[in-house]
């Protein structure tokens, strides 16, 4: 019987992109600016589209890929509309006509549970006890009622990453996903600790349309970070 471990190989190239600006991102900024308790957008979280600015960010990212020597040969996205739209605009702008776009629910947005559609002020006023728990436990392990911790997201990202390395390591992979999921990929790929990834997270937000890129060091079978939160 073959040893599965012998088949695990990092991909040659890996790009992680946060989706372009969505209409919910716009609504969140408006709610925070107005000091509102809630974020007002219509429909399901999964069906939120890109804003006009988000479309342009996605096209710009695609044009950047068009002039890179290495280009994606396979694209994975979260099944959410805003990530799929981002991937489609990137593929069209980069002229990746024959590159398949595959959706995978394991790289979907983190589930926010009771904090869904609440601003920071709304979270504190409506759920003060849970906010105290989050402060005490830390956001890596804190799981809101009905939602997920960062650790929960890491479990599904690890599962996805193992499959990718087993079955698609011969591809150049582009993954279009969400902010926390991009952070967790870095945590998994670079084998970080909780303290290390939270220290990085504290310094900046992942920008809409920003690229993080890895290149394989074949001698060590190790992915090396070449671009971090780069906005084309």
Protein backbone atom coordinates (compact mmCIF):
# COMPACT_ATOMS: atom_id res chain seq x y z
CA UNK A 1 0.00 0.00 0.00
CA UNK A 2 1.29 3.45 -0.91
CA UNK A 3 2.06 5.81 1.94
CA UNK A 4 -0.20 8.91 1.55
CA UNK A 5 2.53 11.07 3.09
CA UNK A 6 4.74 10.43 0.09
CA UNK A 7 2.17 12.08 -2.16
CA UNK A 8 1.92 15.35 -0.26
CA UNK A 9 3.73 18.14 -2.11
CA UNK A 10 3.33 21.90 -1.92
CA UNK A 11 2.19 23.64 -5.12
CA UNK A 12 4.79 25.47 -7.17
CA UNK A 13 2.96 28.81 -6.89
CA UNK A 14 0.18 29.98 -4.59
CA UNK A 15 -1.74 33.25 -4.61
CA UNK A 16 -4.30 34.26 -1.97
CA UNK A 17 -6.67 37.13 -2.76
CA UNK A 18 -9.36 38.70 -0.63
CA UNK A 19 -12.46 39.39 -2.71
CA UNK A 20 -13.03 42.88 -4.08
CA UNK A 21 -15.05 45.39 -2.10
CA UNK A 22 -18.63 44.17 -1.60
CA UNK A 23 -21.84 46.10 -1.05
CA UNK A 24 -21.76 44.84 2.55
CA UNK A 25 -18.26 46.30 3.03
CA UNK A 26 -19.72 49.65 1.92
CA UNK A 27 -22.68 49.21 4.28
CA UNK A 28 -20.36 48.37 7.19
CA UNK A 29 -18.28 51.53 6.71
CA UNK A 30 -21.46 53.60 6.53
CA UNK A 31 -22.83 52.02 9.71
CA UNK A 32 -19.57 52.53 11.61
CA UNK A 33 -19.34 56.16 10.44
CA UNK A 34 -22.90 56.79 11.60
CA UNK A 35 -22.26 55.00 14.91
CA UNK A 36 -25.13 52.61 14.17
CA UNK A 37 -25.74 49.33 15.98
CA UNK A 38 -26.46 47.30 12.86
CA UNK A 39 -25.17 46.95 9.30
CA UNK A 40 -27.96 47.34 6.79
CA UNK A 41 -27.81 45.18 3.68
CA UNK A 42 -30.43 43.08 1.92
CA UNK A 43 -30.36 39.32 1.38
CA UNK A 44 -28.21 36.47 2.53
CA UNK A 45 -24.55 36.84 3.42
CA UNK A 46 -23.76 34.32 0.68
CA UNK A 47 -25.43 36.43 -2.03
CA UNK A 48 -23.73 39.78 -1.41
CA UNK A 49 -22.32 41.12 -4.72
CA UNK A 50 -19.29 43.25 -5.44
CA UNK A 51 -19.64 47.02 -5.37
CA UNK A 52 -18.62 49.00 -8.45
CA UNK A 53 -15.27 49.62 -6.77
CA UNK A 54 -14.97 45.89 -6.05
CA UNK A 55 -15.49 45.06 -9.71
CA UNK A 56 -12.71 47.47 -10.65
CA UNK A 57 -10.38 46.04 -7.99
CA UNK A 58 -10.96 42.56 -9.43
CA UNK A 59 -10.31 43.71 -12.99
CA UNK A 60 -7.12 45.46 -11.84
CA UNK A 61 -5.93 42.27 -10.12
CA UNK A 62 -6.60 40.36 -13.33
CA UNK A 63 -4.60 42.84 -15.39
CA UNK A 64 -1.73 42.43 -12.92
CA UNK A 65 -1.80 38.65 -13.41
CA UNK A 66 -1.85 39.13 -17.19
CA UNK A 67 1.70 40.52 -17.09
CA UNK A 68 3.16 38.06 -14.58
CA UNK A 69 5.48 35.31 -15.82
CA UNK A 70 3.74 32.72 -13.66
CA UNK A 71 -0.05 32.58 -13.98
CA UNK A 72 -2.72 30.51 -12.23
CA UNK A 73 -3.63 27.20 -13.81
CA UNK A 74 -6.45 26.49 -11.34
CA UNK A 75 -8.65 28.83 -9.29
CA UNK A 76 -10.48 27.98 -6.08
CA UNK A 77 -13.09 30.29 -4.55
CA UNK A 78 -15.43 30.39 -1.63
CA UNK A 79 -18.98 29.64 -2.87
CA UNK A 80 -20.07 33.15 -1.85
CA UNK A 81 -21.07 35.42 -4.73
CA UNK A 82 -18.51 38.15 -4.05
CA UNK A 83 -15.58 35.74 -4.21
CA UNK A 84 -16.84 33.99 -7.34
CA UNK A 85 -17.40 37.35 -9.06
CA UNK A 86 -13.88 38.42 -8.10
CA UNK A 87 -12.43 35.21 -9.53
CA UNK A 88 -14.43 35.56 -12.74
CA UNK A 89 -13.31 39.15 -13.34
CA UNK A 90 -9.69 38.19 -12.60
CA UNK A 91 -9.82 35.27 -15.04
CA UNK A 92 -11.41 37.41 -17.78
CA UNK A 93 -8.98 40.32 -17.33
CA UNK A 94 -5.94 38.03 -17.16
CA UNK A 95 -7.20 36.09 -20.19
CA UNK A 96 -7.13 32.79 -18.33
CA UNK A 97 -9.72 31.34 -20.72
CA UNK A 98 -9.01 27.66 -20.02
CA UNK A 99 -8.53 27.92 -16.26
CA UNK A 100 -11.23 26.20 -14.24
CA UNK A 101 -12.85 28.04 -11.30
CA UNK A 102 -13.76 25.59 -8.55
CA UNK A 103 -15.94 26.51 -5.55
CA UNK A 104 -15.23 24.97 -2.16
CA UNK A 105 -17.32 25.61 0.96
CA UNK A 106 -14.33 24.94 3.23
CA UNK A 107 -12.87 28.34 2.31
CA UNK A 108 -16.10 30.29 2.89
CA UNK A 109 -16.36 33.31 5.21
CA UNK A 110 -16.13 32.77 8.96
CA UNK A 111 -19.55 32.34 10.59
CA UNK A 112 -20.19 35.29 12.95
CA UNK A 113 -23.19 33.85 14.81
CA UNK A 114 -24.88 36.34 17.14
CA UNK A 115 -22.53 39.11 15.97
CA UNK A 116 -23.71 38.85 12.37
CA UNK A 117 -24.63 42.29 10.91
CA UNK A 118 -23.61 44.11 14.08
CA UNK A 119 -21.10 46.95 14.30
CA UNK A 120 -18.56 46.99 17.10
CA UNK A 121 -20.87 49.27 19.08
CA UNK A 122 -23.82 46.99 18.36
CA UNK A 123 -21.88 43.95 19.54
CA UNK A 124 -20.90 45.60 22.82
CA UNK A 125 -24.39 46.95 23.54
CA UNK A 126 -26.36 43.86 22.55
CA UNK A 127 -23.99 41.15 23.82
CA UNK A 128 -21.73 42.61 26.54
CA UNK A 129 -21.12 39.28 28.27
CA UNK A 130 -20.01 37.60 25.05
CA UNK A 131 -17.71 40.54 24.30
CA UNK A 132 -16.10 40.05 27.71
CA UNK A 133 -15.61 36.36 26.93
CA UNK A 134 -14.04 37.24 23.58
CA UNK A 135 -11.67 39.64 25.31
CA UNK A 136 -10.67 37.03 27.90
CA UNK A 137 -10.27 34.05 25.57
CA UNK A 138 -8.91 35.93 22.55
CA UNK A 139 -10.38 35.82 19.07
CA UNK A 140 -8.37 32.82 17.93
CA UNK A 141 -10.25 30.44 20.25
CA UNK A 142 -13.40 32.41 21.13
CA UNK A 143 -16.49 30.94 19.43
CA UNK A 144 -19.58 33.20 19.41
CA UNK A 145 -22.92 31.42 19.88
CA UNK A 146 -23.96 30.15 16.46
CA UNK A 147 -20.60 31.11 14.95
CA UNK A 148 -16.98 30.05 14.51
CA UNK A 149 -13.65 30.83 16.10
CA UNK A 150 -10.50 31.34 14.05
CA UNK A 151 -9.51 27.88 15.24
CA UNK A 152 -12.70 26.44 13.69
CA UNK A 153 -11.80 28.07 10.39
CA UNK A 154 -8.29 26.63 10.67
CA UNK A 155 -9.72 23.11 10.91
CA UNK A 156 -11.54 23.40 7.60
CA UNK A 157 -8.65 25.23 5.93
CA UNK A 158 -6.26 22.43 6.98
CA UNK A 159 -8.61 19.89 5.45
CA UNK A 160 -8.82 21.87 2.21
CA UNK A 161 -5.03 22.42 2.12
CA UNK A 162 -4.30 18.72 2.55
CA UNK A 163 -6.55 17.86 -0.40
CA UNK A 164 -4.97 20.60 -2.50
CA UNK A 165 -1.45 19.31 -1.81
CA UNK A 166 -2.48 15.70 -2.48
CA UNK A 167 -4.38 16.25 -5.71
CA UNK A 168 -3.40 19.62 -7.21
CA UNK A 169 0.26 20.17 -6.29
CA UNK A 170 1.18 20.17 -9.99
CA UNK A 171 -0.97 23.30 -10.51
CA UNK A 172 -0.30 27.00 -9.93
CA UNK A 173 -3.09 27.82 -7.51
CA UNK A 174 -5.08 31.01 -7.02
CA UNK A 175 -7.44 31.07 -4.03
CA UNK A 176 -10.05 33.84 -3.80
CA UNK A 177 -11.53 34.00 -0.33
CA UNK A 178 -12.24 36.21 2.71
CA UNK A 179 -10.13 38.24 5.13
CA UNK A 180 -9.95 35.87 8.10
CA UNK A 181 -9.51 32.87 5.77
CA UNK A 182 -6.50 34.56 4.14
CA UNK A 183 -5.00 35.01 7.62
CA UNK A 184 -5.68 31.38 8.48
CA UNK A 185 -4.05 30.18 5.27
CA UNK A 186 -0.90 32.00 6.33
CA UNK A 187 -1.17 30.41 9.78
CA UNK A 188 -1.47 26.94 8.21
CA UNK A 189 0.99 27.28 5.31
CA UNK A 190 3.72 28.91 7.41
CA UNK A 191 3.03 26.72 10.46
CA UNK A 192 2.57 29.68 12.77
CA UNK A 193 1.51 29.84 16.41
CA UNK A 194 -1.56 31.66 17.68
CA UNK A 195 0.64 34.49 18.98
CA UNK A 196 2.47 34.87 15.66
CA UNK A 197 -0.61 35.14 13.46
CA UNK A 198 -2.42 37.47 15.87
CA UNK A 199 0.65 39.75 16.02
CA UNK A 200 0.54 40.00 12.21
CA UNK A 201 -3.21 40.56 12.23
CA UNK A 202 -2.82 43.40 14.71
CA UNK A 203 -0.63 45.41 12.33
CA UNK A 204 -3.06 45.77 9.40
CA UNK A 205 -6.27 44.61 7.73
CA UNK A 206 -6.28 42.46 4.59
CA UNK A 207 -7.30 44.87 1.83
CA UNK A 208 -10.06 44.12 -0.66
CA UNK A 209 -8.40 42.82 -3.82
CA UNK A 210 -5.00 42.43 -2.15
CA UNK A 211 -2.63 39.61 -3.15
CA UNK A 212 -0.48 37.41 -0.94
CA UNK A 213 1.87 35.23 -3.01
CA UNK A 214 4.06 32.21 -2.25
CA UNK A 215 6.75 30.51 -4.33
CA UNK A 216 7.99 26.98 -3.74
CA UNK A 217 11.51 26.40 -2.46
CA UNK A 218 11.78 22.97 -4.10
CA UNK A 219 14.87 21.91 -2.16
CA UNK A 220 13.00 22.27 1.12
CA UNK A 221 9.48 21.60 -0.24
CA UNK A 222 8.57 24.84 1.51
CA UNK A 223 6.46 27.77 0.34
CA UNK A 224 8.14 31.15 0.76
CA UNK A 225 6.09 34.35 1.09
CA UNK A 226 6.96 36.79 -1.72
CA UNK A 227 4.06 39.27 -1.52
CA UNK A 228 2.00 40.12 1.56
CA UNK A 229 -1.27 42.05 1.29
CA UNK A 230 -0.12 43.64 -1.96
CA UNK A 231 -2.65 45.82 -3.78
CA UNK A 232 -2.03 45.72 -7.56
